[in-house]
Amino acid sequence: MQIKERWRRGEVTLGAWLMVPSPLTAEILSKGGFDWVLVDMQHGCMDYETAVDMIRAIDLSGATPIVRVPWNEPGIIGRMLDAGAMAIVAPMIDSVEDARKLVRACRYPPAGGRSLGPIRVGARDGAGYVGTANERVCVIPMIETAAALESVEEIAAVEGVDALFVGPFDLSLALGLPPGDNDGKPAFDAAIARVNAAARAHGIATSVLSNQTLAPLRASQGFQMISVITDSQALAIAGAQSLAAARAEIERNTSDA
């Protein structure tokens, strides 16, 4: 079932976030049963060719491949869609005009201005891709600046926007808070509530960068697209835990000798 249809049915979709430039990492995480897997080309370390191979690896699992592009720029958006991304997350969307520009880059005419050339995605989906792409591809502007929050109701109303994505770290900075999840701080809680209310008023979903601990809270707040793991962070945590456990056991055995 397409991810947009799942949102329409009120379902929560959980995903993984990829920062490491590795198709193998993408393949391993994707096979964990995630609903979607995102390749982060804004802050991740991958180049275009690596990102294409990561999307191909995600495709093997059946998860929805999503790309966060570096900027709201038609060239890179079109290339990632042609590579097979089924959703585009665009950072630093400040206004209705920014949101309209994003929609235009993601949609074929007459709904938008995307250029025709689906070489890789056409190989995956066949000749029927072009006729269904406008309905299937998700357009997801990020709400992470003071300007975006002030205009969130109007951004949510832009035709062709499918979800609003909250970037909690940048949004916190815009609110004068330290970067992070600032739940319990009135300004942060109000911003989260405002974004979700704007999306619900216009029948679209909300999404958020999160983790396994906060995911239940985010779902209760109304988010339907929630990340629960980031590859780089998961690797660092698992490595530190494994090392600590091994050292503790070795020290225990040494002291017992």
C-alpha atoms as a PDB file:
ATOM      1  CA  MET A   1       0.000   0.000   0.000  1.00  0.00           C
ATOM      2  CA  GLN A   2       1.301   3.461  -0.882  1.00  0.00           C
ATOM      3  CA  ILE A   3       2.483   5.540   2.052  1.00  0.00           C
ATOM      4  CA  LYS A   4       0.035   8.370   1.267  1.00  0.00           C
ATOM      5  CA  GLU A   5      -2.857   5.918   1.362  1.00  0.00           C
ATOM      6  CA  ARG A   6      -1.692   4.671   4.755  1.00  0.00           C
ATOM      7  CA  TRP A   7      -1.695   8.248   6.039  1.00  0.00           C
ATOM      8  CA  ARG A   8      -5.206   8.752   4.696  1.00  0.00           C
ATOM      9  CA  ARG A   9      -6.271   5.677   6.666  1.00  0.00           C
ATOM     10  CA  GLY A  10      -4.833   7.237   9.824  1.00  0.00           C
ATOM     11  CA  GLU A  11      -1.877   4.853  10.136  1.00  0.00           C
ATOM     12  CA  VAL A  12       1.457   5.720  11.756  1.00  0.00           C
ATOM     13  CA  THR A  13       4.501   4.835   9.640  1.00  0.00           C
ATOM     14  CA  LEU A  14       7.916   4.289  11.212  1.00  0.00           C
ATOM     15  CA  GLY A  15      11.226   4.778   9.480  1.00  0.00           C
ATOM     16  CA  ALA A  16      15.008   4.758   9.578  1.00  0.00           C
ATOM     17  CA  TRP A  17      17.296   7.706   8.813  1.00  0.00           C
ATOM     18  CA  LEU A  18      20.512   7.231   6.838  1.00  0.00           C
ATOM     19  CA  MET A  19      23.523   9.510   7.268  1.00  0.00           C
ATOM     20  CA  VAL A  20      26.276   7.011   6.394  1.00  0.00           C
ATOM     21  CA  PRO A  21      27.172   6.802   2.677  1.00  0.00           C
ATOM     22  CA  SER A  22      26.683   3.061   2.308  1.00  0.00           C
ATOM     23  CA  PRO A  23      24.275   1.005   0.187  1.00  0.00           C
ATOM     24  CA  LEU A  24      25.052  -1.971   2.441  1.00  0.00           C
ATOM     25  CA  THR A  25      23.964  -0.047   5.541  1.00  0.00           C
ATOM     26  CA  ALA A  26      20.832   1.000   3.669  1.00  0.00           C
ATOM     27  CA  GLU A  27      20.087  -2.603   2.728  1.00  0.00           C
ATOM     28  CA  ILE A  28      20.662  -3.964   6.240  1.00  0.00           C
ATOM     29  CA  LEU A  29      18.508  -1.349   7.960  1.00  0.00           C
ATOM     30  CA  SER A  30      15.795  -1.488   5.315  1.00  0.00           C
ATOM     31  CA  LYS A  31      15.311  -5.196   5.884  1.00  0.00           C
ATOM     32  CA  GLY A  32      14.438  -4.506   9.515  1.00  0.00           C
ATOM     33  CA  GLY A  33      10.796  -3.994   8.564  1.00  0.00           C
ATOM     34  CA  PHE A  34      10.636  -0.196   8.423  1.00  0.00           C
ATOM     35  CA  ASP A  35       7.794   1.422   6.509  1.00  0.00           C
ATOM     36  CA  TRP A  36      10.151   3.974   4.967  1.00  0.00           C
ATOM     37  CA  VAL A  37      13.866   4.699   4.899  1.00  0.00           C
ATOM     38  CA  LEU A  38      15.275   8.171   4.304  1.00  0.00           C
ATOM     39  CA  VAL A  39      18.550   9.058   2.601  1.00  0.00           C
ATOM     40  CA  ASP A  40      19.710  12.366   4.072  1.00  0.00           C
ATOM     41  CA  MET A  41      21.533  14.351   1.405  1.00  0.00           C
ATOM     42  CA  GLN A  42      21.370  17.562   3.430  1.00  0.00           C
ATOM     43  CA  HIS A  43      23.471  16.548   6.426  1.00  0.00           C
ATOM     44  CA  GLY A  44      24.445  13.004   5.453  1.00  0.00           C
ATOM     45  CA  CYS A  45      27.798  12.220   3.844  1.00  0.00           C
ATOM     46  CA  MET A  46      26.684  10.598   0.582  1.00  0.00           C
ATOM     47  CA  ASP A  47      27.145  11.912  -2.949  1.00  0.00           C
ATOM     48  CA  TYR A  48      24.611  11.511  -5.756  1.00  0.00           C
ATOM     49  CA  GLU A  49      25.843   8.179  -7.133  1.00  0.00           C
ATOM     50  CA  THR A  50      25.999   6.646  -3.660  1.00  0.00           C
ATOM     51  CA  ALA A  51      22.500   7.943  -2.914  1.00  0.00           C
ATOM     52  CA  VAL A  52      21.185   6.238  -6.070  1.00  0.00           C
ATOM     53  CA  ASP A  53      22.660   2.930  -4.946  1.00  0.00           C
ATOM     54  CA  MET A  54      21.195   3.431  -1.466  1.00  0.00           C
ATOM     55  CA  ILE A  55      17.736   3.928  -2.982  1.00  0.00           C
ATOM     56  CA  ARG A  56      18.191   0.716  -4.982  1.00  0.00           C
ATOM     57  CA  ALA A  57      19.116  -1.098  -1.767  1.00  0.00           C
ATOM     58  CA  ILE A  58      16.027   0.262  -0.004  1.00  0.00           C
ATOM     59  CA  ASP A  59      13.879  -0.905  -2.917  1.00  0.00           C
ATOM     60  CA  LEU A  60      14.971  -4.493  -2.239  1.00  0.00           C
ATOM     61  CA  SER A  61      13.166  -4.428   1.117  1.00  0.00           C
ATOM     62  CA  GLY A  62       9.859  -3.005  -0.040  1.00  0.00           C
ATOM     63  CA  ALA A  63      10.214   0.042   2.213  1.00  0.00           C
ATOM     64  CA  THR A  64       9.384   3.443   0.726  1.00  0.00           C
ATOM     65  CA  PRO A  65      12.607   5.264  -0.290  1.00  0.00           C
ATOM     66  CA  ILE A  66      12.630   8.922   0.769  1.00  0.00           C
ATOM     67  CA  VAL A  67      15.288  11.576   0.205  1.00  0.00           C
ATOM     68  CA  ARG A  68      15.925  14.761   2.123  1.00  0.00           C
ATOM     69  CA  VAL A  69      17.476  17.013  -0.490  1.00  0.00           C
ATOM     70  CA  PRO A  70      20.178  19.555   0.378  1.00  0.00           C
ATOM     71  CA  TRP A  71      17.994  22.499  -0.635  1.00  0.00           C
ATOM     72  CA  ASN A  72      14.710  23.410  -2.284  1.00  0.00           C
ATOM     73  CA  GLU A  73      16.238  23.371  -5.752  1.00  0.00           C
ATOM     74  CA  PRO A  74      14.554  21.787  -8.813  1.00  0.00           C
ATOM     75  CA  GLY A  75      17.720  20.211 -10.233  1.00  0.00           C
ATOM     76  CA  ILE A  76      18.575  17.956  -7.300  1.00  0.00           C
ATOM     77  CA  ILE A  77      14.898  17.277  -6.555  1.00  0.00           C
ATOM     78  CA  GLY A  78      14.350  16.047 -10.108  1.00  0.00           C
ATOM     79  CA  ARG A  79      17.465  13.885 -10.027  1.00  0.00           C
ATOM     80  CA  MET A  80      16.454  12.182  -6.789  1.00  0.00           C
ATOM     81  CA  LEU A  81      12.943  11.521  -8.073  1.00  0.00           C
ATOM     82  CA  ASP A  82      14.391  10.106 -11.295  1.00  0.00           C
ATOM     83  CA  ALA A  83      16.610   7.907  -9.097  1.00  0.00           C
ATOM     84  CA  GLY A  84      13.544   6.405  -7.439  1.00  0.00           C
ATOM     85  CA  ALA A  85      12.742   8.506  -4.367  1.00  0.00           C
ATOM     86  CA  MET A  86       9.020   8.307  -3.639  1.00  0.00           C
ATOM     87  CA  ALA A  87       9.015  11.281  -1.287  1.00  0.00           C
ATOM     88  CA  ILE A  88      11.040  14.465  -1.104  1.00  0.00           C
ATOM     89  CA  VAL A  89      11.699  16.210   2.209  1.00  0.00           C
ATOM     90  CA  ALA A  90      12.919  19.764   1.618  1.00  0.00           C
ATOM     91  CA  PRO A  91      14.655  21.820   4.337  1.00  0.00           C
ATOM     92  CA  MET A  92      14.320  25.489   5.238  1.00  0.00           C
ATOM     93  CA  ILE A  93      10.914  26.125   3.694  1.00  0.00           C
ATOM     94  CA  ASP A  94      10.015  29.611   4.931  1.00  0.00           C
ATOM     95  CA  SER A  95       6.936  30.602   2.958  1.00  0.00           C
ATOM     96  CA  VAL A  96       3.994  29.653   0.785  1.00  0.00           C
ATOM     97  CA  GLU A  97       6.068  30.544  -2.258  1.00  0.00           C
ATOM     98  CA  ASP A  98       8.818  28.149  -1.134  1.00  0.00           C
ATOM     99  CA  ALA A  99       6.227  25.394  -0.734  1.00  0.00           C
ATOM    100  CA  ARG A 100       4.759  26.060  -4.170  1.00  0.00           C
ATOM    101  CA  LYS A 101       8.238  25.932  -5.677  1.00  0.00           C
ATOM    102  CA  LEU A 102       8.779  22.539  -4.028  1.00  0.00           C
ATOM    103  CA  VAL A 103       5.490  21.161  -5.361  1.00  0.00           C
ATOM    104  CA  ARG A 104       6.315  22.425  -8.837  1.00  0.00           C
ATOM    105  CA  ALA A 105       9.689  20.633  -8.778  1.00  0.00           C
ATOM    106  CA  CYS A 106       8.070  17.341  -7.712  1.00  0.00           C
ATOM    107  CA  ARG A 107       5.119  17.228 -10.151  1.00  0.00           C
ATOM    108  CA  TYR A 108       4.978  16.641 -13.881  1.00  0.00           C
ATOM    109  CA  PRO A 109       2.971  19.159 -15.943  1.00  0.00           C
ATOM    110  CA  PRO A 110       0.323  20.399 -15.809  1.00  0.00           C
ATOM    111  CA  ALA A 111       0.468  20.115 -12.004  1.00  0.00           C
ATOM    112  CA  GLY A 112       4.123  21.183 -11.893  1.00  0.00           C
ATOM    113  CA  GLY A 113       7.291  21.682 -13.876  1.00  0.00           C
ATOM    114  CA  ARG A 114       9.275  18.465 -13.375  1.00  0.00           C
ATOM    115  CA  SER A 115      11.289  17.514 -16.434  1.00  0.00           C
ATOM    116  CA  LEU A 116      10.671  14.098 -17.985  1.00  0.00           C
ATOM    117  CA  GLY A 117      13.565  11.634 -17.785  1.00  0.00           C
ATOM    118  CA  PRO A 118      12.828   8.802 -15.323  1.00  0.00           C
ATOM    119  CA  ILE A 119      15.761   6.621 -16.379  1.00  0.00           C
ATOM    120  CA  ARG A 120      16.415   4.664 -13.201  1.00  0.00           C
ATOM    121  CA  VAL A 121      12.892   4.840 -11.726  1.00  0.00           C
ATOM    122  CA  GLY A 122      11.489   3.877 -15.111  1.00  0.00           C
ATOM    123  CA  ALA A 123      13.674   0.778 -15.078  1.00  0.00           C
ATOM    124  CA  ARG A 124      12.200  -0.067 -11.677  1.00  0.00           C
ATOM    125  CA  ASP A 125       8.537   0.805 -12.252  1.00  0.00           C
ATOM    126  CA  GLY A 126       8.140   0.501 -16.011  1.00  0.00           C
ATOM    127  CA  ALA A 127       6.258   2.663 -18.473  1.00  0.00           C
ATOM    128  CA  GLY A 128       3.412   3.263 -16.032  1.00  0.00           C
ATOM    129  CA  TYR A 129       5.551   5.384 -13.719  1.00  0.00           C
ATOM    130  CA  VAL A 130       5.018   8.717 -15.439  1.00  0.00           C
ATOM    131  CA  GLY A 131       1.235   8.447 -15.405  1.00  0.00           C
ATOM    132  CA  THR A 132       1.096   7.706 -11.674  1.00  0.00           C
ATOM    133  CA  ALA A 133       4.040   9.711 -10.317  1.00  0.00           C
ATOM    134  CA  ASN A 134       2.106  12.874  -9.465  1.00  0.00           C
ATOM    135  CA  GLU A 135      -0.227  10.908  -7.219  1.00  0.00           C
ATOM    136  CA  ARG A 136       2.384   8.590  -5.721  1.00  0.00           C
ATOM    137  CA  VAL A 137       5.258  10.985  -4.941  1.00  0.00           C
ATOM    138  CA  CYS A 138       4.963  12.706  -1.551  1.00  0.00           C
ATOM    139  CA  VAL A 139       5.897  16.383  -1.215  1.00  0.00           C
ATOM    140  CA  ILE A 140       7.066  17.199   2.315  1.00  0.00           C
ATOM    141  CA  PRO A 141       8.250  20.710   3.258  1.00  0.00           C
ATOM    142  CA  MET A 142      10.105  21.080   6.545  1.00  0.00           C
ATOM    143  CA  ILE A 143       8.785  23.393   9.243  1.00  0.00           C
ATOM    144  CA  GLU A 144      11.901  24.367  11.150  1.00  0.00           C
ATOM    145  CA  THR A 145      12.214  28.154  11.053  1.00  0.00           C
ATOM    146  CA  ALA A 146      10.353  30.994  12.731  1.00  0.00           C
ATOM    147  CA  ALA A 147       9.072  32.139   9.336  1.00  0.00           C
ATOM    148  CA  ALA A 148       7.766  28.670   8.486  1.00  0.00           C
ATOM    149  CA  LEU A 149       5.987  28.345  11.819  1.00  0.00           C
ATOM    150  CA  GLU A 150       4.366  31.747  11.343  1.00  0.00           C
ATOM    151  CA  SER A 151       3.103  30.660   7.919  1.00  0.00           C
ATOM    152  CA  VAL A 152       2.399  26.999   8.708  1.00  0.00           C
ATOM    153  CA  GLU A 153      -1.358  27.210   8.149  1.00  0.00           C
ATOM    154  CA  GLU A 154      -0.837  28.717   4.688  1.00  0.00           C
ATOM    155  CA  ILE A 155       1.928  26.231   3.822  1.00  0.00           C
ATOM    156  CA  ALA A 156      -0.333  23.335   4.812  1.00  0.00           C
ATOM    157  CA  ALA A 157      -2.992  24.683   2.458  1.00  0.00           C
ATOM    158  CA  VAL A 158      -0.719  24.681  -0.619  1.00  0.00           C
ATOM    159  CA  GLU A 159      -2.136  22.273  -3.193  1.00  0.00           C
ATOM    160  CA  GLY A 160       0.190  19.317  -3.669  1.00  0.00           C
ATOM    161  CA  VAL A 161       1.747  19.346  -0.188  1.00  0.00           C
ATOM    162  CA  ASP A 162       1.273  15.885   1.345  1.00  0.00           C
ATOM    163  CA  ALA A 163       2.836  16.288   4.792  1.00  0.00           C
ATOM    164  CA  LEU A 164       4.657  18.772   7.024  1.00  0.00           C
ATOM    165  CA  PHE A 165       7.971  17.701   8.512  1.00  0.00           C
ATOM    166  CA  VAL A 166       9.079  19.075  11.877  1.00  0.00           C
ATOM    167  CA  GLY A 167      12.816  19.432  12.340  1.00  0.00           C
ATOM    168  CA  PRO A 168      12.965  19.658  16.151  1.00  0.00           C
ATOM    169  CA  PHE A 169      16.584  20.784  16.406  1.00  0.00           C
ATOM    170  CA  ASP A 170      16.400  23.745  14.025  1.00  0.00           C
ATOM    171  CA  LEU A 171      12.894  24.598  15.205  1.00  0.00           C
ATOM    172  CA  SER A 172      14.151  24.709  18.782  1.00  0.00           C
ATOM    173  CA  LEU A 173      16.931  27.092  17.787  1.00  0.00           C
ATOM    174  CA  ALA A 174      14.372  29.291  16.020  1.00  0.00           C
ATOM    175  CA  LEU A 175      12.344  29.371  19.240  1.00  0.00           C
ATOM    176  CA  GLY A 176      15.356  30.441  21.318  1.00  0.00           C
ATOM    177  CA  LEU A 177      15.772  26.979  22.856  1.00  0.00           C
ATOM    178  CA  PRO A 178      18.787  24.657  22.855  1.00  0.00           C
ATOM    179  CA  PRO A 179      18.827  22.237  19.907  1.00  0.00           C
ATOM    180  CA  GLY A 180      16.967  19.031  20.650  1.00  0.00           C
ATOM    181  CA  ASP A 181      13.599  17.712  21.710  1.00  0.00           C
ATOM    182  CA  ASN A 182      12.349  20.341  24.149  1.00  0.00           C
ATOM    183  CA  ASP A 183       9.135  18.672  25.239  1.00  0.00           C
ATOM    184  CA  GLY A 184       7.731  20.386  28.304  1.00  0.00           C
ATOM    185  CA  LYS A 185       8.938  23.813  27.189  1.00  0.00           C
ATOM    186  CA  PRO A 186       5.784  25.849  26.404  1.00  0.00           C
ATOM    187  CA  ALA A 187       7.124  27.360  23.173  1.00  0.00           C
ATOM    188  CA  PHE A 188       8.172  23.962  21.809  1.00  0.00           C
ATOM    189  CA  ASP A 189       4.944  22.221  22.834  1.00  0.00           C
ATOM    190  CA  ALA A 190       2.888  25.016  21.279  1.00  0.00           C
ATOM    191  CA  ALA A 191       4.847  24.783  18.025  1.00  0.00           C
ATOM    192  CA  ILE A 192       4.313  21.012  17.814  1.00  0.00           C
ATOM    193  CA  ALA A 193       0.602  21.454  18.456  1.00  0.00           C
ATOM    194  CA  ARG A 194       0.318  24.236  15.879  1.00  0.00           C
ATOM    195  CA  VAL A 195       1.971  22.213  13.111  1.00  0.00           C
ATOM    196  CA  ASN A 196      -0.239  19.198  13.765  1.00  0.00           C
ATOM    197  CA  ALA A 197      -3.375  21.329  13.918  1.00  0.00           C
ATOM    198  CA  ALA A 198      -2.518  23.019  10.616  1.00  0.00           C
ATOM    199  CA  ALA A 199      -1.954  19.670   8.915  1.00  0.00           C
ATOM    200  CA  ARG A 200      -5.173  18.145  10.248  1.00  0.00           C
ATOM    201  CA  ALA A 201      -7.159  21.178   9.123  1.00  0.00           C
ATOM    202  CA  HIS A 202      -6.048  20.523   5.552  1.00  0.00           C
ATOM    203  CA  GLY A 203      -6.164  16.729   5.571  1.00  0.00           C
ATOM    204  CA  ILE A 204      -2.419  16.106   5.326  1.00  0.00           C
ATOM    205  CA  ALA A 205       0.053  14.219   7.512  1.00  0.00           C
ATOM    206  CA  THR A 206       2.856  15.335   9.794  1.00  0.00           C
ATOM    207  CA  SER A 207       6.326  13.880  10.144  1.00  0.00           C
ATOM    208  CA  VAL A 208       9.191  14.281  12.576  1.00  0.00           C
ATOM    209  CA  LEU A 209      12.788  13.307  13.182  1.00  0.00           C
ATOM    210  CA  SER A 210      12.632  11.286  16.383  1.00  0.00           C
ATOM    211  CA  ASN A 211      13.830   8.124  18.150  1.00  0.00           C
ATOM    212  CA  GLN A 212      12.463   4.930  19.651  1.00  0.00           C
ATOM    213  CA  THR A 213      11.900   6.520  23.066  1.00  0.00           C
ATOM    214  CA  LEU A 214       9.941   9.535  21.849  1.00  0.00           C
ATOM    215  CA  ALA A 215       8.060   7.779  19.034  1.00  0.00           C
ATOM    216  CA  PRO A 216       5.002   6.870  21.170  1.00  0.00           C
ATOM    217  CA  LEU A 217       4.656  10.492  22.312  1.00  0.00           C
ATOM    218  CA  ARG A 218       4.996  11.768  18.765  1.00  0.00           C
ATOM    219  CA  ALA A 219       2.331   9.324  17.577  1.00  0.00           C
ATOM    220  CA  SER A 220      -0.024  10.503  20.322  1.00  0.00           C
ATOM    221  CA  GLN A 221       0.569  14.087  19.178  1.00  0.00           C
ATOM    222  CA  GLY A 222      -0.660  13.191  15.704  1.00  0.00           C
ATOM    223  CA  PHE A 223       2.531  12.491  13.752  1.00  0.00           C
ATOM    224  CA  GLN A 224       2.120   9.751  11.135  1.00  0.00           C
ATOM    225  CA  MET A 225       5.682   9.580   9.783  1.00  0.00           C
ATOM    226  CA  ILE A 226       8.192   9.111  12.601  1.00  0.00           C
ATOM    227  CA  SER A 227      11.841   8.110  12.453  1.00  0.00           C
ATOM    228  CA  VAL A 228      12.959   5.753  15.198  1.00  0.00           C
ATOM    229  CA  ILE A 229      16.637   5.211  14.382  1.00  0.00           C
ATOM    230  CA  THR A 230      19.570   6.970  12.711  1.00  0.00           C
ATOM    231  CA  ASP A 231      22.282   4.717  11.335  1.00  0.00           C
ATOM    232  CA  SER A 232      25.248   6.714  12.632  1.00  0.00           C
ATOM    233  CA  GLN A 233      23.796   7.117  16.112  1.00  0.00           C
ATOM    234  CA  ALA A 234      22.737   3.469  16.309  1.00  0.00           C
ATOM    235  CA  LEU A 235      26.236   2.346  15.344  1.00  0.00           C
ATOM    236  CA  ALA A 236      27.858   4.600  17.933  1.00  0.00           C
ATOM    237  CA  ILE A 237      25.489   3.492  20.713  1.00  0.00           C
ATOM    238  CA  ALA A 238      25.785  -0.208  19.893  1.00  0.00           C
ATOM    239  CA  GLY A 239      29.561   0.024  19.693  1.00  0.00           C
ATOM    240  CA  ALA A 240      29.862   1.787  23.041  1.00  0.00           C
ATOM    241  CA  GLN A 241      27.476  -0.659  24.732  1.00  0.00           C
ATOM    242  CA  SER A 242      29.277  -3.709  23.356  1.00  0.00           C
ATOM    243  CA  LEU A 243      32.658  -2.349  24.417  1.00  0.00           C
ATOM    244  CA  ALA A 244      31.443  -1.478  27.910  1.00  0.00           C
ATOM    245  CA  ALA A 245      29.850  -4.913  28.377  1.00  0.00           C
ATOM    246  CA  ALA A 246      33.001  -6.711  27.230  1.00  0.00           C
ATOM    247  CA  ARG A 247      35.264  -4.627  29.467  1.00  0.00           C
ATOM    248  CA  ALA A 248      32.992  -5.128  32.479  1.00  0.00           C
ATOM    249  CA  GLU A 249      32.961  -8.897  31.984  1.00  0.00           C
ATOM    250  CA  ILE A 250      36.731  -9.065  31.495  1.00  0.00           C
ATOM    251  CA  GLU A 251      37.319  -6.993  34.641  1.00  0.00           C
ATOM    252  CA  ARG A 252      34.882  -9.193  36.602  1.00  0.00           C
ATOM    253  CA  ASN A 253      36.658 -12.353  35.469  1.00  0.00           C
ATOM    254  CA  THR A 254      40.068 -10.839  36.281  1.00  0.00           C
ATOM    255  CA  SER A 255      38.992  -9.820  39.770  1.00  0.00           C
ATOM    256  CA  ASP A 256      37.581 -13.302  40.426  1.00  0.00           C
ATOM    257  CA  ALA A 257      40.820 -14.995  39.374  1.00  0.00           C
END
